[in-house]
Amino acid sequence: MVENDGDQQSQRRPDLATKLPGMFSRYKSSVEKELYRVVPNAGDPNVPNNEPYRLLRYHLGWVDQQGEPMDTSVTQGKALRPTLCLFACDALSDDYSKALPAAAALELIHNFSLVHDDIQDQDLERRHQPTVWHLWGIPKALWSGNAMQCTGDLALLDVAEQNVNPATVLKVSGILTKSYLEMIQGQCMDLNFESRTDIKSDEYLYMIACKTGALIRAGLEIGALLATEDAATVKAFAEFGEHLGQAFQVRDDYLGIWGDQATLGKATDSDIRRRKKSYPVVFALERAGGSAMEDLLRIYRQEELEEDDVQRVLAVLDEVGSQENAQRVIEAAAARALEALKPVSLPQWAQSEAEDLVDFLARREY
């Protein structure tokens, strides 16, 4: 994919907006099996005080509120980060088994952040079910998130059992830990943005590079590192992930305002109602002037927004071209992602899947 117009891209591969690329189905079973292996069973009588693990399994979509098994098809996420990790390893070595512990660790660390994010954002629902804090309270949600993080850290250590040399195991561990420290830094910045209206686009893009992009980058970097000792190749996959993360998050911001409510399964004006400073709003705060700027500042200083306020924000976003600008940022990041992989000699299947992945993340509808 190059810097084509978004409409032309959708016409070329319209299925990519709504259908997950093939790599997700290829690695789905392996990711699930590894996660089941590393997360203790809440029903195991040998596990003392197993309530934390029941809450972990609930958040992951494996059990209901009573701890009974449930259909996970509607409650699990895309498993993007572990999928990228396994893809990188597979593309470079034709064997992704040694990356399975790292893939599970990435998914668990990501989910630890979601449990805590739900508390901070006071979200009542995640993946079509009530959030952990909403059901069991903030204290239990905090320690269940902490337990998720610890379980992820322990899962990563199993890389040492995959015929990986100790120096590489330590390097992989360092990459993951540094990435979720960046993720936490990004979350702190995002919380700080809630009380500000002077945020610049570059500042926002740096925040999402930490909060969202760090784990995506780490997944690809770790997968590559477990497959090859070539530093240039590992760096190329890390850069691929860095740009992919930006495309993913800005598209998420786009959908949070202009997405289809039926497809997303949530109200598409919720980001505005919560006065969330997503990329389109940050762009508007930079570009608006006169009465439009006065209205934005007034609305985003209110505790609660009425329907007229939401419609006025949408009108200002339209006036300054926020929707078009967001799509341009997404397309540019997608193009840079594929450019980063050009120096790497990949098998044709991997090259095609990388292109499909970038197209999907830049055009996705959910």
Protein backbone atom coordinates (compact mmCIF):
# COMPACT_ATOMS: atom_id res chain seq x y z
CA MET A 1 0.00 0.00 0.00
CA VAL A 2 1.32 3.43 -0.94
CA GLU A 3 -0.06 6.88 -0.29
CA ASN A 4 -3.26 6.34 -2.27
CA ASP A 5 -6.51 8.08 -1.57
CA GLY A 6 -8.52 6.30 1.12
CA ASP A 7 -11.59 5.85 -1.12
CA GLN A 8 -9.45 4.24 -3.84
CA GLN A 9 -8.04 1.84 -1.28
CA SER A 10 -11.48 0.82 -0.06
CA GLN A 11 -12.53 0.17 -3.65
CA ARG A 12 -9.41 -1.94 -4.26
CA ARG A 13 -9.92 -4.16 -1.21
CA PRO A 14 -13.34 -3.37 0.29
CA ASP A 15 -13.28 -6.55 2.38
CA LEU A 16 -10.30 -5.31 4.39
CA ALA A 17 -12.42 -2.74 6.21
CA THR A 18 -14.60 -5.39 7.82
CA LYS A 19 -12.69 -8.69 7.65
CA LEU A 20 -9.70 -9.57 9.84
CA PRO A 21 -6.57 -10.42 7.81
CA GLY A 22 -5.62 -14.08 7.57
CA MET A 23 -2.84 -13.89 10.15
CA PHE A 24 -5.39 -13.44 12.95
CA SER A 25 -7.08 -16.76 12.25
CA ARG A 26 -3.76 -18.52 11.65
CA TYR A 27 -2.39 -17.75 15.12
CA LYS A 28 -5.66 -17.48 17.08
CA SER A 29 -5.71 -21.07 18.36
CA SER A 30 -2.02 -20.99 19.32
CA VAL A 31 -2.44 -17.73 21.24
CA GLU A 32 -5.48 -19.05 23.09
CA LYS A 33 -3.79 -22.34 24.04
CA GLU A 34 -0.75 -20.51 25.36
CA LEU A 35 -2.89 -18.11 27.37
CA TYR A 36 -4.86 -21.03 28.86
CA ARG A 37 -1.56 -22.63 29.78
CA VAL A 38 -0.04 -19.66 31.59
CA VAL A 39 -3.12 -18.27 33.39
CA PRO A 40 -3.88 -20.41 36.47
CA ASN A 41 -7.26 -22.09 36.53
CA ALA A 42 -9.55 -20.46 39.08
CA GLY A 43 -11.18 -23.82 39.67
CA ASP A 44 -7.95 -25.59 40.53
CA PRO A 45 -8.10 -26.67 44.22
CA ASN A 46 -4.29 -26.58 44.29
CA VAL A 47 -4.29 -22.82 43.71
CA PRO A 48 -4.79 -21.05 47.07
CA ASN A 49 -6.97 -17.93 47.19
CA ASN A 50 -7.87 -18.31 43.53
CA GLU A 51 -10.28 -15.34 43.29
CA PRO A 52 -7.73 -13.13 41.46
CA TYR A 53 -7.47 -15.73 38.71
CA ARG A 54 -11.26 -15.92 38.36
CA LEU A 55 -11.33 -12.17 37.76
CA LEU A 56 -8.49 -12.51 35.24
CA ARG A 57 -10.36 -15.22 33.38
CA TYR A 58 -13.54 -13.13 33.47
CA HIS A 59 -11.80 -10.10 31.98
CA LEU A 60 -10.25 -12.31 29.28
CA GLY A 61 -13.74 -13.48 28.35
CA TRP A 62 -13.34 -17.12 29.36
CA VAL A 63 -15.86 -17.27 32.22
CA ASP A 64 -18.97 -15.39 33.30
CA GLN A 65 -19.48 -13.53 36.58
CA GLN A 66 -20.05 -16.81 38.42
CA GLY A 67 -16.91 -18.38 36.97
CA GLU A 68 -18.78 -20.61 34.52
CA PRO A 69 -17.22 -21.17 31.05
CA MET A 70 -18.74 -19.06 28.28
CA ASP A 71 -18.56 -18.54 24.55
CA THR A 72 -15.56 -16.25 24.06
CA SER A 73 -16.28 -15.28 20.47
CA VAL A 74 -18.07 -12.07 21.46
CA THR A 75 -15.98 -11.14 24.47
CA GLN A 76 -12.37 -11.51 23.30
CA GLY A 77 -10.41 -8.83 21.51
CA LYS A 78 -8.43 -9.14 18.30
CA ALA A 79 -5.25 -10.30 20.09
CA LEU A 80 -3.37 -7.86 17.86
CA ARG A 81 -0.12 -7.71 19.83
CA PRO A 82 0.48 -11.48 20.19
CA THR A 83 -0.55 -11.97 16.56
CA LEU A 84 2.07 -9.46 15.42
CA CYS A 85 4.71 -11.14 17.59
CA LEU A 86 4.03 -14.58 16.10
CA PHE A 87 3.82 -13.17 12.58
CA ALA A 88 7.26 -11.53 12.84
CA CYS A 89 8.84 -14.72 14.15
CA ASP A 90 7.09 -16.87 11.54
CA ALA A 91 7.98 -14.56 8.64
CA LEU A 92 11.67 -14.61 9.53
CA SER A 93 12.19 -18.20 10.66
CA ASP A 94 9.17 -20.22 9.46
CA ASP A 95 8.65 -21.33 13.07
CA TYR A 96 6.78 -19.25 15.60
CA SER A 97 6.67 -21.74 18.48
CA LYS A 98 9.57 -20.12 20.37
CA ALA A 99 7.63 -16.83 20.43
CA LEU A 100 4.48 -18.27 22.04
CA PRO A 101 5.40 -17.38 25.65
CA ALA A 102 6.20 -13.82 24.58
CA ALA A 103 2.92 -13.59 22.65
CA ALA A 104 0.96 -14.62 25.75
CA ALA A 105 2.91 -12.14 27.87
CA LEU A 106 2.10 -9.29 25.47
CA GLU A 107 -1.62 -10.06 25.59
CA LEU A 108 -1.62 -10.24 29.38
CA ILE A 109 0.29 -6.98 29.79
CA HIS A 110 -2.11 -5.31 27.36
CA ASN A 111 -5.07 -6.61 29.35
CA PHE A 112 -3.58 -5.48 32.66
CA SER A 113 -3.58 -1.96 31.19
CA LEU A 114 -7.21 -2.31 30.10
CA VAL A 115 -8.37 -3.33 33.58
CA HIS A 116 -6.70 -0.23 35.05
CA ASP A 117 -7.82 2.03 32.19
CA ASP A 118 -11.43 1.02 32.83
CA ILE A 119 -11.06 2.19 36.43
CA GLN A 120 -9.47 5.50 35.47
CA ASP A 121 -12.02 6.18 32.71
CA GLN A 122 -14.94 4.85 34.80
CA ASP A 123 -16.01 2.67 31.87
CA LEU A 124 -18.89 0.36 32.70
CA GLU A 125 -18.49 -2.02 29.75
CA ARG A 126 -15.61 -3.70 27.92
CA ARG A 127 -16.10 -6.06 24.99
CA HIS A 128 -19.85 -6.30 25.49
CA GLN A 129 -19.67 -7.23 29.19
CA PRO A 130 -19.50 -5.27 32.48
CA THR A 131 -16.00 -4.20 33.50
CA VAL A 132 -14.17 -5.80 36.42
CA TRP A 133 -14.23 -2.70 38.61
CA HIS A 134 -17.93 -2.14 37.93
CA LEU A 135 -18.79 -5.65 39.14
CA TRP A 136 -16.33 -6.16 41.98
CA GLY A 137 -15.20 -2.66 42.93
CA ILE A 138 -12.00 -0.69 42.43
CA PRO A 139 -9.79 -2.47 45.03
CA LYS A 140 -10.38 -5.92 43.54
CA ALA A 141 -9.98 -4.55 40.01
CA LEU A 142 -6.64 -3.01 40.98
CA TRP A 143 -5.21 -6.24 42.33
CA SER A 144 -6.64 -8.27 39.45
CA GLY A 145 -4.86 -5.91 37.02
CA ASN A 146 -1.67 -6.28 39.05
CA ALA A 147 -2.07 -10.07 38.98
CA MET A 148 -2.50 -9.91 35.20
CA GLN A 149 0.79 -8.00 34.91
CA CYS A 150 2.63 -10.47 37.13
CA THR A 151 1.23 -13.41 35.17
CA GLY A 152 2.46 -11.79 31.97
CA ASP A 153 5.95 -11.28 33.39
CA LEU A 154 6.08 -14.92 34.48
CA ALA A 155 4.81 -16.13 31.10
CA LEU A 156 7.66 -14.35 29.33
CA LEU A 157 10.26 -16.28 31.34
CA ASP A 158 9.11 -19.45 29.57
CA VAL A 159 10.95 -18.18 26.49
CA ALA A 160 14.04 -19.60 28.21
CA GLU A 161 12.58 -23.09 27.69
CA GLN A 162 12.32 -22.60 23.91
CA ASN A 163 16.00 -23.17 23.10
CA VAL A 164 16.67 -19.41 23.25
CA ASN A 165 20.01 -18.27 24.59
CA PRO A 166 19.96 -16.49 27.99
CA ALA A 167 21.23 -13.18 26.57
CA THR A 168 18.29 -13.04 24.16
CA VAL A 169 15.84 -13.94 26.92
CA LEU A 170 17.12 -11.00 28.99
CA LYS A 171 16.93 -8.69 25.98
CA VAL A 172 13.35 -9.75 25.23
CA SER A 173 12.40 -9.19 28.87
CA GLY A 174 13.96 -5.73 28.78
CA ILE A 175 12.09 -4.79 25.59
CA LEU A 176 8.74 -5.82 27.07
CA THR A 177 9.29 -4.10 30.43
CA LYS A 178 10.47 -0.86 28.83
CA SER A 179 7.49 -0.91 26.47
CA TYR A 180 4.93 -1.14 29.20
CA LEU A 181 6.69 1.56 31.18
CA GLU A 182 6.20 3.69 28.05
CA MET A 183 2.58 2.56 27.98
CA ILE A 184 2.12 3.76 31.58
CA GLN A 185 3.82 7.05 30.73
CA GLY A 186 1.40 7.49 27.84
CA GLN A 187 -1.57 6.82 30.10
CA CYS A 188 -0.32 9.46 32.55
CA MET A 189 -0.04 11.96 29.71
CA ASP A 190 -3.53 11.07 28.49
CA LEU A 191 -4.98 11.68 31.95
CA ASN A 192 -3.17 15.02 32.09
CA PHE A 193 -4.70 15.99 28.74
CA GLU A 194 -8.19 15.73 30.27
CA SER A 195 -7.76 19.07 32.03
CA ARG A 196 -6.01 20.83 29.13
CA THR A 197 -7.21 22.51 25.95
CA ASP A 198 -3.78 23.61 24.68
CA ILE A 199 -2.60 20.18 23.47
CA LYS A 200 -0.65 20.17 20.20
CA SER A 201 -0.94 17.46 17.56
CA ASP A 202 2.71 16.46 17.91
CA GLU A 203 2.28 16.17 21.67
CA TYR A 204 -0.77 13.96 21.19
CA LEU A 205 0.98 11.73 18.64
CA TYR A 206 3.86 11.24 21.08
CA MET A 207 1.37 10.26 23.79
CA ILE A 208 -0.23 7.56 21.63
CA ALA A 209 3.20 6.35 20.53
CA CYS A 210 3.71 5.52 24.21
CA LYS A 211 0.23 4.48 25.33
CA THR A 212 -0.75 2.42 22.26
CA GLY A 213 2.30 2.12 20.05
CA ALA A 214 4.87 0.84 22.55
CA LEU A 215 3.38 -2.65 22.99
CA ILE A 216 2.62 -2.98 19.27
CA ARG A 217 6.23 -2.08 18.47
CA ALA A 218 7.49 -4.43 21.18
CA GLY A 219 5.47 -7.36 19.84
CA LEU A 220 7.02 -7.10 16.39
CA GLU A 221 10.50 -6.38 17.76
CA ILE A 222 10.41 -9.37 20.12
CA GLY A 223 9.06 -11.70 17.45
CA ALA A 224 11.84 -10.64 15.08
CA LEU A 225 14.52 -10.92 17.76
CA LEU A 226 13.49 -14.49 18.55
CA ALA A 227 13.84 -15.38 14.87
CA THR A 228 17.04 -13.65 13.82
CA GLU A 229 20.22 -12.08 15.20
CA ASP A 230 20.33 -9.53 12.38
CA ALA A 231 20.04 -6.15 14.13
CA ALA A 232 18.91 -4.30 11.00
CA THR A 233 16.00 -6.69 10.49
CA VAL A 234 14.91 -6.42 14.13
CA LYS A 235 15.08 -2.62 13.88
CA ALA A 236 12.99 -2.66 10.69
CA PHE A 237 10.24 -4.66 12.39
CA ALA A 238 10.33 -2.30 15.39
CA GLU A 239 9.91 0.71 13.08
CA PHE A 240 7.11 -1.10 11.25
CA GLY A 241 5.36 -1.50 14.59
CA GLU A 242 5.94 2.10 15.60
CA HIS A 243 4.13 3.45 12.52
CA LEU A 244 1.51 0.72 12.70
CA GLY A 245 0.67 1.82 16.25
CA GLN A 246 0.02 5.39 15.12
CA ALA A 247 -2.24 4.25 12.27
CA PHE A 248 -4.12 1.93 14.64
CA GLN A 249 -4.79 4.54 17.34
CA VAL A 250 -5.71 7.45 15.08
CA ARG A 251 -8.12 5.13 13.26
CA ASP A 252 -9.52 4.22 16.67
CA ASP A 253 -10.01 7.93 17.38
CA TYR A 254 -11.66 8.34 13.97
CA LEU A 255 -14.11 5.51 14.67
CA GLY A 256 -14.86 6.93 18.11
CA ILE A 257 -16.50 9.89 16.36
CA TRP A 258 -17.47 8.83 12.84
CA GLY A 259 -17.70 5.05 13.11
CA ASP A 260 -20.86 3.00 12.59
CA GLN A 261 -22.62 2.42 15.90
CA ALA A 262 -24.03 -1.00 14.91
CA THR A 263 -20.60 -2.23 13.79
CA LEU A 264 -18.75 -0.89 16.83
CA GLY A 265 -21.35 -2.00 19.35
CA LYS A 266 -21.21 1.34 21.18
CA ALA A 267 -22.44 4.90 20.72
CA THR A 268 -20.13 6.73 18.35
CA ASP A 269 -20.55 10.07 20.11
CA SER A 270 -19.34 8.69 23.45
CA ASP A 271 -15.82 10.09 22.99
CA ILE A 272 -17.24 13.58 22.55
CA ARG A 273 -19.71 13.19 25.41
CA ARG A 274 -16.82 12.18 27.68
CA ARG A 275 -14.88 15.22 26.42
CA LYS A 276 -12.10 12.90 25.33
CA LYS A 277 -9.20 14.73 23.67
CA SER A 278 -8.82 12.32 20.77
CA TYR A 279 -6.79 13.28 17.70
CA PRO A 280 -9.63 14.93 15.71
CA VAL A 281 -10.51 17.13 18.71
CA VAL A 282 -6.86 18.05 19.34
CA PHE A 283 -6.55 19.04 15.67
CA ALA A 284 -9.68 21.20 15.98
CA LEU A 285 -8.39 22.88 19.12
CA GLU A 286 -5.25 23.80 17.14
CA ARG A 287 -7.05 25.03 14.03
CA ALA A 288 -10.37 26.54 15.15
CA GLY A 289 -10.71 30.29 15.62
CA GLY A 290 -13.32 32.88 16.54
CA SER A 291 -16.69 31.61 17.74
CA ALA A 292 -15.80 28.01 16.85
CA MET A 293 -12.84 28.07 19.25
CA GLU A 294 -14.90 29.83 21.92
CA ASP A 295 -17.56 27.12 21.63
CA LEU A 296 -15.02 24.31 21.86
CA LEU A 297 -13.41 25.80 24.96
CA ARG A 298 -16.79 26.37 26.60
CA ILE A 299 -18.03 22.86 25.83
CA TYR A 300 -14.86 21.08 26.93
CA ARG A 301 -14.90 22.94 30.25
CA GLN A 302 -18.39 21.65 31.10
CA GLU A 303 -18.95 18.69 33.40
CA GLU A 304 -21.67 17.22 31.20
CA LEU A 305 -22.55 17.72 27.54
CA GLU A 306 -26.03 18.05 26.08
CA GLU A 307 -27.01 16.87 22.61
CA ASP A 308 -26.65 20.42 21.25
CA ASP A 309 -23.08 20.52 22.57
CA VAL A 310 -22.23 17.25 20.81
CA GLN A 311 -23.68 18.51 17.55
CA ARG A 312 -21.75 21.78 17.85
CA VAL A 313 -18.47 19.89 18.36
CA LEU A 314 -19.23 17.76 15.30
CA ALA A 315 -19.93 20.90 13.30
CA VAL A 316 -16.62 22.49 14.34
CA LEU A 317 -14.74 19.28 13.48
CA ASP A 318 -16.34 19.46 10.05
CA GLU A 319 -15.48 23.14 9.64
CA VAL A 320 -11.76 22.64 10.28
CA GLY A 321 -11.49 19.36 8.31
CA SER A 322 -10.68 17.09 11.25
CA GLN A 323 -12.11 13.99 9.59
CA GLU A 324 -10.06 14.42 6.41
CA ASN A 325 -6.94 15.31 8.36
CA ALA A 326 -7.23 12.24 10.59
CA GLN A 327 -7.49 9.99 7.55
CA ARG A 328 -4.43 11.65 6.00
CA VAL A 329 -2.45 10.99 9.20
CA ILE A 330 -3.58 7.35 9.14
CA GLU A 331 -2.62 6.90 5.48
CA ALA A 332 0.78 8.52 6.01
CA ALA A 333 1.55 6.30 9.00
CA ALA A 334 0.45 3.23 7.04
CA ALA A 335 2.75 4.15 4.15
CA ARG A 336 5.70 4.66 6.53
CA ALA A 337 5.00 1.28 8.13
CA LEU A 338 5.37 -0.56 4.83
CA GLU A 339 8.36 1.55 3.86
CA ALA A 340 10.11 0.38 7.05
CA LEU A 341 9.88 -3.25 5.91
CA LYS A 342 11.25 -2.68 2.40
CA PRO A 343 14.90 -3.46 3.32
CA VAL A 344 13.84 -6.86 4.73
CA SER A 345 13.73 -9.87 2.43
CA LEU A 346 10.41 -11.52 3.29
CA PRO A 347 8.70 -14.53 1.75
CA GLN A 348 5.85 -13.52 -0.56
CA TRP A 349 3.16 -14.73 1.83
CA ALA A 350 4.56 -12.57 4.63
CA GLN A 351 4.87 -9.51 2.40
CA SER A 352 1.26 -9.89 1.26
CA GLU A 353 0.01 -10.36 4.81
CA ALA A 354 1.92 -7.31 6.03
CA GLU A 355 0.23 -5.25 3.31
CA ASP A 356 -3.19 -6.70 4.17
CA LEU A 357 -2.61 -5.96 7.85
CA VAL A 358 -1.70 -2.33 7.19
CA ASP A 359 -4.72 -1.91 4.91
CA PHE A 360 -7.00 -3.39 7.55
CA LEU A 361 -5.71 -1.26 10.41
CA ALA A 362 -5.96 1.88 8.28
CA ARG A 363 -9.46 1.11 6.96
CA ARG A 364 -11.06 -1.02 9.69
CA GLU A 365 -14.63 -0.36 10.76
CA TYR A 366 -14.32 -1.90 14.26
